[in-house]
PDB file of N, CA and C in Angstrom:
ATOM      1  N   MET A   1     -75.611-102.691  98.500  1.00  0.00           N
ATOM      2  CA  MET A   1     -74.525-101.782  99.416  1.00  0.00           C
ATOM      3  C   MET A   1     -73.387-102.715 100.685  1.00  0.00           C
ATOM      4  N   ILE A   2     -74.156-103.698 101.170  1.00  0.00           N
ATOM      5  CA  ILE A   2     -74.238-103.868 102.358  1.00  0.00           C
ATOM      6  C   ILE A   2     -73.013-106.029 101.675  1.00  0.00           C
ATOM      7  N   ARG A   3     -73.598-106.407 100.753  1.00  0.00           N
ATOM      8  CA  ARG A   3     -72.723-107.335 100.340  1.00  0.00           C
ATOM      9  C   ARG A   3     -70.984-107.022  99.729  1.00  0.00           C
ATOM     10  N   PRO A   4     -70.905-105.676  99.348  1.00  0.00           N
ATOM     11  CA  PRO A   4     -69.689-105.545  98.685  1.00  0.00           C
ATOM     12  C   PRO A   4     -69.061-105.935 100.181  1.00  0.00           C
ATOM     13  N   ILE A   5     -69.631-104.973 100.933  1.00  0.00           N
ATOM     14  CA  ILE A   5     -68.882-103.893 102.493  1.00  0.00           C
ATOM     15  C   ILE A   5     -68.757-105.900 103.083  1.00  0.00           C
ATOM     16  N   LEU A   6     -69.666-106.208 103.043  1.00  0.00           N
ATOM     17  CA  LEU A   6     -69.241-107.945 104.327  1.00  0.00           C
ATOM     18  C   LEU A   6     -68.271-108.641 103.121  1.00  0.00           C
ATOM     19  N   THR A   7     -68.203-108.701 101.810  1.00  0.00           N
ATOM     20  CA  THR A   7     -67.463-109.515 100.543  1.00  0.00           C
ATOM     21  C   THR A   7     -65.745-108.879 101.651  1.00  0.00           C
ATOM     22  N   GLU A   8     -65.290-107.050 101.365  1.00  0.00           N
ATOM     23  CA  GLU A   8     -64.225-107.178 102.358  1.00  0.00           C
ATOM     24  C   GLU A   8     -63.927-107.317 103.334  1.00  0.00           C
ATOM     25  N   PHE A   9     -64.507-107.767 104.092  1.00  0.00           N
ATOM     26  CA  PHE A   9     -64.500-107.713 105.964  1.00  0.00           C
ATOM     27  C   PHE A   9     -64.287-109.032 105.922  1.00  0.00           C
ATOM     28  N   ALA A  10     -64.976-109.943 104.797  1.00  0.00           N
ATOM     29  CA  ALA A  10     -64.929-111.371 105.153  1.00  0.00           C
ATOM     30  C   ALA A  10     -62.633-111.501 104.649  1.00  0.00           C
ATOM     31  N   PHE A  11     -62.880-110.962 103.891  1.00  0.00           N
ATOM     32  CA  PHE A  11     -61.109-110.949 103.389  1.00  0.00           C
ATOM     33  C   PHE A  11     -59.977-110.615 103.778  1.00  0.00           C
ATOM     34  N   PHE A  12     -60.427-109.216 104.803  1.00  0.00           N
ATOM     35  CA  PHE A  12     -60.077-109.747 105.418  1.00  0.00           C
ATOM     36  C   PHE A  12     -59.643-109.687 107.325  1.00  0.00           C
ATOM     37  N   LEU A  13     -60.171-111.068 107.357  1.00  0.00           N
ATOM     38  CA  LEU A  13     -60.745-111.469 108.210  1.00  0.00           C
ATOM     39  C   LEU A  13     -60.218-112.968 108.072  1.00  0.00           C
ATOM     40  N   ALA A  14     -60.088-113.562 106.677  1.00  0.00           N
ATOM     41  CA  ALA A  14     -59.940-114.730 106.702  1.00  0.00           C
ATOM     42  C   ALA A  14     -58.119-115.257 106.814  1.00  0.00           C
ATOM     43  N   PRO A  15     -57.143-114.470 106.957  1.00  0.00           N
ATOM     44  CA  PRO A  15     -55.508-114.599 107.309  1.00  0.00           C
ATOM     45  C   PRO A  15     -56.129-115.109 108.840  1.00  0.00           C
ATOM     46  N   PHE A  16     -57.654-114.155 109.603  1.00  0.00           N
ATOM     47  CA  PHE A  16     -56.855-114.461 111.105  1.00  0.00           C
ATOM     48  C   PHE A  16     -57.141-115.662 111.302  1.00  0.00           C
ATOM     49  N   ALA A  17     -58.691-116.002 110.820  1.00  0.00           N
ATOM     50  CA  ALA A  17     -59.629-116.978 110.425  1.00  0.00           C
ATOM     51  C   ALA A  17     -58.466-118.686 110.429  1.00  0.00           C
ATOM     52  N   ALA A  18     -57.877-118.332 109.345  1.00  0.00           N
ATOM     53  CA  ALA A  18     -57.165-119.411 108.448  1.00  0.00           C
ATOM     54  C   ALA A  18     -55.646-119.831 110.302  1.00  0.00           C
ATOM     55  N   TYR A  19     -55.582-118.969 110.447  1.00  0.00           N
ATOM     56  CA  TYR A  19     -54.407-118.928 111.758  1.00  0.00           C
ATOM     57  C   TYR A  19     -55.739-119.627 113.203  1.00  0.00           C
ATOM     58  N   ALA A  20     -56.482-118.960 113.180  1.00  0.00           N
ATOM     59  CA  ALA A  20     -57.340-119.684 114.025  1.00  0.00           C
ATOM     60  C   ALA A  20     -57.362-121.422 114.218  1.00  0.00           C
ATOM     61  N   ILE A  21     -57.486-121.385 112.871  1.00  0.00           N
ATOM     62  CA  ILE A  21     -57.920-123.211 112.691  1.00  0.00           C
ATOM     63  C   ILE A  21     -56.553-123.891 112.719  1.00  0.00           C
ATOM     64  N   TYR A  22     -55.681-123.513 112.218  1.00  0.00           N
ATOM     65  CA  TYR A  22     -54.135-123.746 112.575  1.00  0.00           C
ATOM     66  C   TYR A  22     -54.043-123.801 113.831  1.00  0.00           C
ATOM     67  N   LEU A  23     -53.719-123.244 114.951  1.00  0.00           N
ATOM     68  CA  LEU A  23     -53.672-123.052 116.009  1.00  0.00           C
ATOM     69  C   LEU A  23     -54.865-124.342 116.476  1.00  0.00           C
ATOM     70  N   LEU A  24     -56.102-124.037 116.166  1.00  0.00           N
ATOM     71  CA  LEU A  24     -57.072-125.452 116.630  1.00  0.00           C
ATOM     72  C   LEU A  24     -56.037-126.653 116.307  1.00  0.00           C
ATOM     73  N   LEU A  25     -56.307-126.555 115.149  1.00  0.00           N
ATOM     74  CA  LEU A  25     -55.243-128.195 114.464  1.00  0.00           C
ATOM     75  C   LEU A  25     -54.465-128.884 115.034  1.00  0.00           C
ATOM     76  N   THR A  26     -53.159-127.593 115.497  1.00  0.00           N
ATOM     77  CA  THR A  26     -51.370-128.197 115.846  1.00  0.00           C
ATOM     78  C   THR A  26     -51.710-128.440 117.608  1.00  0.00           C
ATOM     79  N   ARG A  27     -52.550-126.803 118.353  1.00  0.00           N
ATOM     80  CA  ARG A  27     -52.325-126.588 119.376  1.00  0.00           C
ATOM     81  C   ARG A  27     -53.362-126.822 120.366  1.00  0.00           C
ATOM     82  N   GLY A  28     -54.101-126.356 119.942  1.00  0.00           N
ATOM     83  CA  GLY A  28     -55.447-126.419 120.770  1.00  0.00           C
ATOM     84  C   GLY A  28     -55.109-125.261 121.530  1.00  0.00           C
ATOM     85  N   GLY A  29     -54.422-124.343 121.534  1.00  0.00           N
ATOM     86  CA  GLY A  29     -54.188-122.635 121.577  1.00  0.00           C
ATOM     87  C   GLY A  29     -54.852-121.693 121.478  1.00  0.00           C
ATOM     88  N   VAL A  30     -55.463-121.933 120.942  1.00  0.00           N
ATOM     89  CA  VAL A  30     -56.603-120.529 120.464  1.00  0.00           C
ATOM     90  C   VAL A  30     -57.127-119.604 121.026  1.00  0.00           C
ATOM     91  N   LEU A  31     -57.531-119.409 122.257  1.00  0.00           N
ATOM     92  CA  LEU A  31     -57.525-118.762 123.353  1.00  0.00           C
ATOM     93  C   LEU A  31     -56.498-118.080 124.319  1.00  0.00           C
ATOM     94  N   HIS A  32     -54.982-118.829 124.444  1.00  0.00           N
ATOM     95  CA  HIS A  32     -54.002-118.291 124.704  1.00  0.00           C
ATOM     96  C   HIS A  32     -53.972-117.576 123.997  1.00  0.00           C
ATOM     97  N   PRO A  33     -53.443-116.566 125.259  1.00  0.00           N
ATOM     98  CA  PRO A  33     -52.667-115.057 124.397  1.00  0.00           C
ATOM     99  C   PRO A  33     -50.797-115.153 123.725  1.00  0.00           C
ATOM    100  N   GLU A  34     -50.358-115.846 124.456  1.00  0.00           N
ATOM    101  CA  GLU A  34     -49.195-116.285 123.203  1.00  0.00           C
ATOM    102  C   GLU A  34     -48.966-116.856 122.343  1.00  0.00           C
ATOM    103  N   ALA A  35     -50.425-117.476 122.187  1.00  0.00           N
ATOM    104  CA  ALA A  35     -50.353-117.570 120.737  1.00  0.00           C
ATOM    105  C   ALA A  35     -50.401-116.866 119.243  1.00  0.00           C
ATOM    106  N   TRP A  36     -51.547-115.437 120.234  1.00  0.00           N
ATOM    107  CA  TRP A  36     -51.226-114.652 119.556  1.00  0.00           C
ATOM    108  C   TRP A  36     -50.510-113.685 119.785  1.00  0.00           C
ATOM    109  N   SER A  37     -49.260-113.442 119.164  1.00  0.00           N
ATOM    110  CA  SER A  37     -48.422-112.367 119.909  1.00  0.00           C
ATOM    111  C   SER A  37     -48.357-111.269 119.264  1.00  0.00           C
ATOM    112  N   ALA A  38     -46.808-110.394 119.185  1.00  0.00           N
ATOM    113  CA  ALA A  38     -47.637-109.306 118.586  1.00  0.00           C
ATOM    114  C   ALA A  38     -47.336-109.545 117.308  1.00  0.00           C
ATOM    115  N   ARG A  39     -46.017-110.499 116.693  1.00  0.00           N
ATOM    116  CA  ARG A  39     -45.385-110.947 115.854  1.00  0.00           C
ATOM    117  C   ARG A  39     -45.865-111.087 115.074  1.00  0.00           C
ATOM    118  N   ALA A  40     -46.933-112.510 114.890  1.00  0.00           N
ATOM    119  CA  ALA A  40     -48.403-112.945 114.618  1.00  0.00           C
ATOM    120  C   ALA A  40     -48.979-112.088 114.362  1.00  0.00           C
ATOM    121  N   LEU A  41     -49.984-111.269 115.173  1.00  0.00           N
ATOM    122  CA  LEU A  41     -50.457-110.176 115.005  1.00  0.00           C
ATOM    123  C   LEU A  41     -50.310-109.431 113.861  1.00  0.00           C
ATOM    124  N   ALA A  42     -48.785-109.171 113.660  1.00  0.00           N
ATOM    125  CA  ALA A  42     -48.667-108.081 113.028  1.00  0.00           C
ATOM    126  C   ALA A  42     -48.081-108.335 111.481  1.00  0.00           C
ATOM    127  N   TRP A  43     -47.513-110.111 111.473  1.00  0.00           N
ATOM    128  CA  TRP A  43     -47.903-110.605 109.578  1.00  0.00           C
ATOM    129  C   TRP A  43     -49.059-110.502 109.438  1.00  0.00           C
ATOM    130  N   LEU A  44     -50.022-111.540 110.545  1.00  0.00           N
ATOM    131  CA  LEU A  44     -51.878-111.589 109.720  1.00  0.00           C
ATOM    132  C   LEU A  44     -52.508-110.247 109.100  1.00  0.00           C
ATOM    133  N   THR A  45     -51.673-109.081 110.388  1.00  0.00           N
ATOM    134  CA  THR A  45     -52.624-107.764 109.569  1.00  0.00           C
ATOM    135  C   THR A  45     -51.996-107.224 108.481  1.00  0.00           C
ATOM    136  N   VAL A  46     -50.698-107.889 107.910  1.00  0.00           N
ATOM    137  CA  VAL A  46     -50.302-107.083 106.607  1.00  0.00           C
ATOM    138  C   VAL A  46     -50.678-108.456 105.135  1.00  0.00           C
ATOM    139  N   ALA A  47     -50.686-109.721 105.947  1.00  0.00           N
ATOM    140  CA  ALA A  47     -51.765-110.465 105.303  1.00  0.00           C
ATOM    141  C   ALA A  47     -53.096-110.193 104.548  1.00  0.00           C
ATOM    142  N   ALA A  48     -53.564-109.737 105.757  1.00  0.00           N
ATOM    143  CA  ALA A  48     -55.090-109.241 105.860  1.00  0.00           C
ATOM    144  C   ALA A  48     -54.850-108.457 105.068  1.00  0.00           C
ATOM    145  N   LEU A  49     -54.268-107.066 104.770  1.00  0.00           N
ATOM    146  CA  LEU A  49     -54.390-105.961 103.787  1.00  0.00           C
ATOM    147  C   LEU A  49     -53.652-106.511 102.485  1.00  0.00           C
ATOM    148  N   ILE A  50     -52.836-107.766 102.219  1.00  0.00           N
ATOM    149  CA  ILE A  50     -52.772-107.494 100.778  1.00  0.00           C
ATOM    150  C   ILE A  50     -53.722-108.187  99.924  1.00  0.00           C
ATOM    151  N   SER A  51     -54.414-108.885 101.270  1.00  0.00           N
ATOM    152  CA  SER A  51     -55.982-109.763 100.858  1.00  0.00           C
ATOM    153  C   SER A  51     -56.798-108.527 100.071  1.00  0.00           C
ATOM    154  N   LEU A  52     -56.945-107.730 101.028  1.00  0.00           N
ATOM    155  CA  LEU A  52     -57.895-106.572 101.115  1.00  0.00           C
ATOM    156  C   LEU A  52     -57.568-105.833  99.908  1.00  0.00           C
ATOM    157  N   ILE A  53     -56.694-105.552  99.457  1.00  0.00           N
ATOM    158  CA  ILE A  53     -55.755-104.846  98.016  1.00  0.00           C
ATOM    159  C   ILE A  53     -55.915-105.753  97.251  1.00  0.00           C
ATOM    160  N   GLY A  54     -55.575-106.978  97.554  1.00  0.00           N
ATOM    161  CA  GLY A  54     -56.356-107.613  96.045  1.00  0.00           C
ATOM    162  C   GLY A  54     -57.507-107.798  95.581  1.00  0.00           C
ATOM    163  N   SER A  55     -57.823-107.997  96.798  1.00  0.00           N
ATOM    164  CA  SER A  55     -59.555-108.246  96.263  1.00  0.00           C
ATOM    165  C   SER A  55     -60.335-107.184  95.790  1.00  0.00           C
ATOM    166  N   PHE A  56     -59.440-105.723  96.364  1.00  0.00           N
ATOM    167  CA  PHE A  56     -60.115-104.444  95.814  1.00  0.00           C
ATOM    168  C   PHE A  56     -60.160-104.191  93.998  1.00  0.00           C
ATOM    169  N   VAL A  57     -58.702-104.648  93.832  1.00  0.00           N
ATOM    170  CA  VAL A  57     -57.962-104.405  92.194  1.00  0.00           C
ATOM    171  C   VAL A  57     -58.725-105.631  91.780  1.00  0.00           C
ATOM    172  N   VAL A  58     -59.430-106.938  92.188  1.00  0.00           N
ATOM    173  CA  VAL A  58     -59.837-107.896  91.462  1.00  0.00           C
ATOM    174  C   VAL A  58     -61.687-107.280  91.477  1.00  0.00           C
ATOM    175  N   LEU A  59     -61.986-106.741  92.524  1.00  0.00           N
ATOM    176  CA  LEU A  59     -63.335-106.641  92.539  1.00  0.00           C
ATOM    177  C   LEU A  59     -64.105-105.508  91.532  1.00  0.00           C
ATOM    178  N   ALA A  60     -62.557-104.490  91.018  1.00  0.00           N
ATOM    179  CA  ALA A  60     -63.095-103.179  90.354  1.00  0.00           C
ATOM    180  C   ALA A  60     -62.672-103.852  89.104  1.00  0.00           C
ATOM    181  N   HIS A  61     -61.726-104.579  89.015  1.00  0.00           N
ATOM    182  CA  HIS A  61     -61.629-104.855  87.826  1.00  0.00           C
ATOM    183  C   HIS A  61     -62.260-105.833  86.737  1.00  0.00           C
ATOM    184  N   PHE A  62     -63.254-106.935  87.060  1.00  0.00           N
ATOM    185  CA  PHE A  62     -63.890-107.791  86.685  1.00  0.00           C
ATOM    186  C   PHE A  62     -65.647-107.816  87.048  1.00  0.00           C
ATOM    187  N   SER A  63     -65.828-106.205  87.751  1.00  0.00           N
ATOM    188  CA  SER A  63     -67.221-106.152  88.051  1.00  0.00           C
ATOM    189  C   SER A  63     -67.526-105.111  87.425  1.00  0.00           C
ATOM    190  N   GLY A  64     -68.724-103.845  87.416  1.00  0.00           N
ATOM    191  CA  GLY A  64     -68.608-103.014  86.703  1.00  0.00           C
ATOM    192  C   GLY A  64     -68.879-103.315  84.729  1.00  0.00           C
ATOM    193  N   VAL A  65     -69.251-102.058  84.500  1.00  0.00           N
ATOM    194  CA  VAL A  65     -69.318-101.951  83.454  1.00  0.00           C
ATOM    195  C   VAL A  65     -68.389-101.793  82.485  1.00  0.00           C
ATOM    196  N   PRO A  66     -68.753-102.012  81.477  1.00  0.00           N
ATOM    197  CA  PRO A  66     -67.351-101.930  80.352  1.00  0.00           C
ATOM    198  C   PRO A  66     -66.875-100.574  80.337  1.00  0.00           C
ATOM    199  N   LEU A  67     -65.134-100.657  80.210  1.00  0.00           N
ATOM    200  CA  LEU A  67     -64.850 -99.032  79.982  1.00  0.00           C
ATOM    201  C   LEU A  67     -65.529 -98.130  78.682  1.00  0.00           C
ATOM    202  N   GLY A  68     -65.700 -96.773  78.720  1.00  0.00           N
ATOM    203  CA  GLY A  68     -66.162 -96.615  77.118  1.00  0.00           C
ATOM    204  C   GLY A  68     -67.828 -96.169  77.943  1.00  0.00           C
ATOM    205  N   SER A  69     -68.383 -96.706  78.624  1.00  0.00           N
ATOM    206  CA  SER A  69     -69.955 -96.745  78.256  1.00  0.00           C
ATOM    207  C   SER A  69     -70.289 -95.151  78.818  1.00  0.00           C
ATOM    208  N   THR A  70     -71.519 -95.386  78.857  1.00  0.00           N
ATOM    209  CA  THR A  70     -72.396 -93.983  78.727  1.00  0.00           C
ATOM    210  C   THR A  70     -73.307 -94.598  80.266  1.00  0.00           C
ATOM    211  N   TYR A  71     -73.082 -93.550  81.386  1.00  0.00           N
ATOM    212  CA  TYR A  71     -74.402 -93.714  82.532  1.00  0.00           C
ATOM    213  C   TYR A  71     -75.679 -93.059  81.928  1.00  0.00           C
ATOM    214  N   ILE A  72     -76.758 -94.082  82.156  1.00  0.00           N
ATOM    215  CA  ILE A  72     -77.893 -93.329  81.789  1.00  0.00           C
ATOM    216  C   ILE A  72     -78.877 -92.996  82.592  1.00  0.00           C
ATOM    217  N   PRO A  73     -78.896 -91.823  83.628  1.00  0.00           N
ATOM    218  CA  PRO A  73     -79.081 -91.638  85.161  1.00  0.00           C
ATOM    219  C   PRO A  73     -81.410 -92.502  85.022  1.00  0.00           C
ATOM    220  N   ALA A  74     -82.047 -92.578  85.779  1.00  0.00           N
ATOM    221  CA  ALA A  74     -83.402 -93.015  86.280  1.00  0.00           C
ATOM    222  C   ALA A  74     -84.075 -91.901  85.465  1.00  0.00           C
ATOM    223  N   HIS A  75     -85.119 -92.312  84.907  1.00  0.00           N
ATOM    224  CA  HIS A  75     -85.902 -91.005  84.307  1.00  0.00           C
ATOM    225  C   HIS A  75     -87.092 -91.442  83.782  1.00  0.00           C
ATOM    226  N   MET A  76     -88.390 -89.976  83.479  1.00  0.00           N
ATOM    227  CA  MET A  76     -89.170 -90.628  82.895  1.00  0.00           C
ATOM    228  C   MET A  76     -89.643 -90.642  81.675  1.00  0.00           C
ATOM    229  N   GLU A  77     -89.470 -91.071  80.687  1.00  0.00           N
ATOM    230  CA  GLU A  77     -90.187 -90.552  79.503  1.00  0.00           C
ATOM    231  C   GLU A  77     -91.757 -91.455  79.258  1.00  0.00           C
ATOM    232  N   ASP A  78     -92.221 -90.160  78.722  1.00  0.00           N
ATOM    233  CA  ASP A  78     -93.975 -90.276  78.080  1.00  0.00           C
ATOM    234  C   ASP A  78     -94.656 -90.715  78.915  1.00  0.00           C
ATOM    235  N   GLY A  79     -94.549 -90.292  80.239  1.00  0.00           N
ATOM    236  CA  GLY A  79     -94.977 -91.319  81.768  1.00  0.00           C
ATOM    237  C   GLY A  79     -94.783 -92.115  82.490  1.00  0.00           C
ATOM    238  N   LYS A  80     -94.325 -92.918  81.915  1.00  0.00           N
ATOM    239  CA  LYS A  80     -93.089 -93.948  82.050  1.00  0.00           C
ATOM    240  C   LYS A  80     -92.013 -93.923  82.755  1.00  0.00           C
ATOM    241  N   PHE A  81     -91.573 -94.486  83.982  1.00  0.00           N
ATOM    242  CA  PHE A  81     -90.281 -94.730  84.276  1.00  0.00           C
ATOM    243  C   PHE A  81     -89.175 -95.342  83.691  1.00  0.00           C
ATOM    244  N   VAL A  82     -88.531 -94.996  83.326  1.00  0.00           N
ATOM    245  CA  VAL A  82     -87.055 -95.912  82.710  1.00  0.00           C
ATOM    246  C   VAL A  82     -85.975 -95.478  83.772  1.00  0.00           C
ATOM    247  N   PRO A  83     -86.273 -97.022  84.103  1.00  0.00           N
ATOM    248  CA  PRO A  83     -84.617 -97.640  85.297  1.00  0.00           C
ATOM    249  C   PRO A  83     -82.789 -96.728  84.378  1.00  0.00           C
ATOM    250  N   ALA A  84     -82.567 -96.715  85.159  1.00  0.00           N
ATOM    251  CA  ALA A  84     -81.006 -96.433  84.991  1.00  0.00           C
ATOM    252  C   ALA A  84     -80.521 -96.988  84.119  1.00  0.00           C
ATOM    253  N   GLN A  85     -79.462 -97.562  83.238  1.00  0.00           N
ATOM    254  CA  GLN A  85     -78.938 -98.212  82.098  1.00  0.00           C
ATOM    255  C   GLN A  85     -77.119 -97.727  81.637  1.00  0.00           C
ATOM    256  N   THR A  86     -76.324 -98.564  80.990  1.00  0.00           N
ATOM    257  CA  THR A  86     -75.332 -97.962  80.592  1.00  0.00           C
ATOM    258  C   THR A  86     -75.438 -98.456  79.733  1.00  0.00           C
ATOM    259  N   ARG A  87     -74.616 -97.255  77.990  1.00  0.00           N
ATOM    260  CA  ARG A  87     -74.642 -98.227  76.847  1.00  0.00           C
ATOM    261  C   ARG A  87     -73.386 -97.674  75.901  1.00  0.00           C
TER     262      ARG A  87
END
């Protein structure tokens, strides 16, 4: 469960990290408050949210089980544990 959360967290932080790298390579003012203006933070937040929503769509579309599958929960059969499965 922690992997999907960390993946989405990384997608959200990616624009901020890219901007910090840009600042580091161009001006070296990563820690200066004027480099992180409200306008820049607003655009970074919008980019982060778009990235996050896009990653939700991609992960939901390409992961999981195929449509129309039936989930069979874990159960005991003849004294043996049968793990959950989809058919």
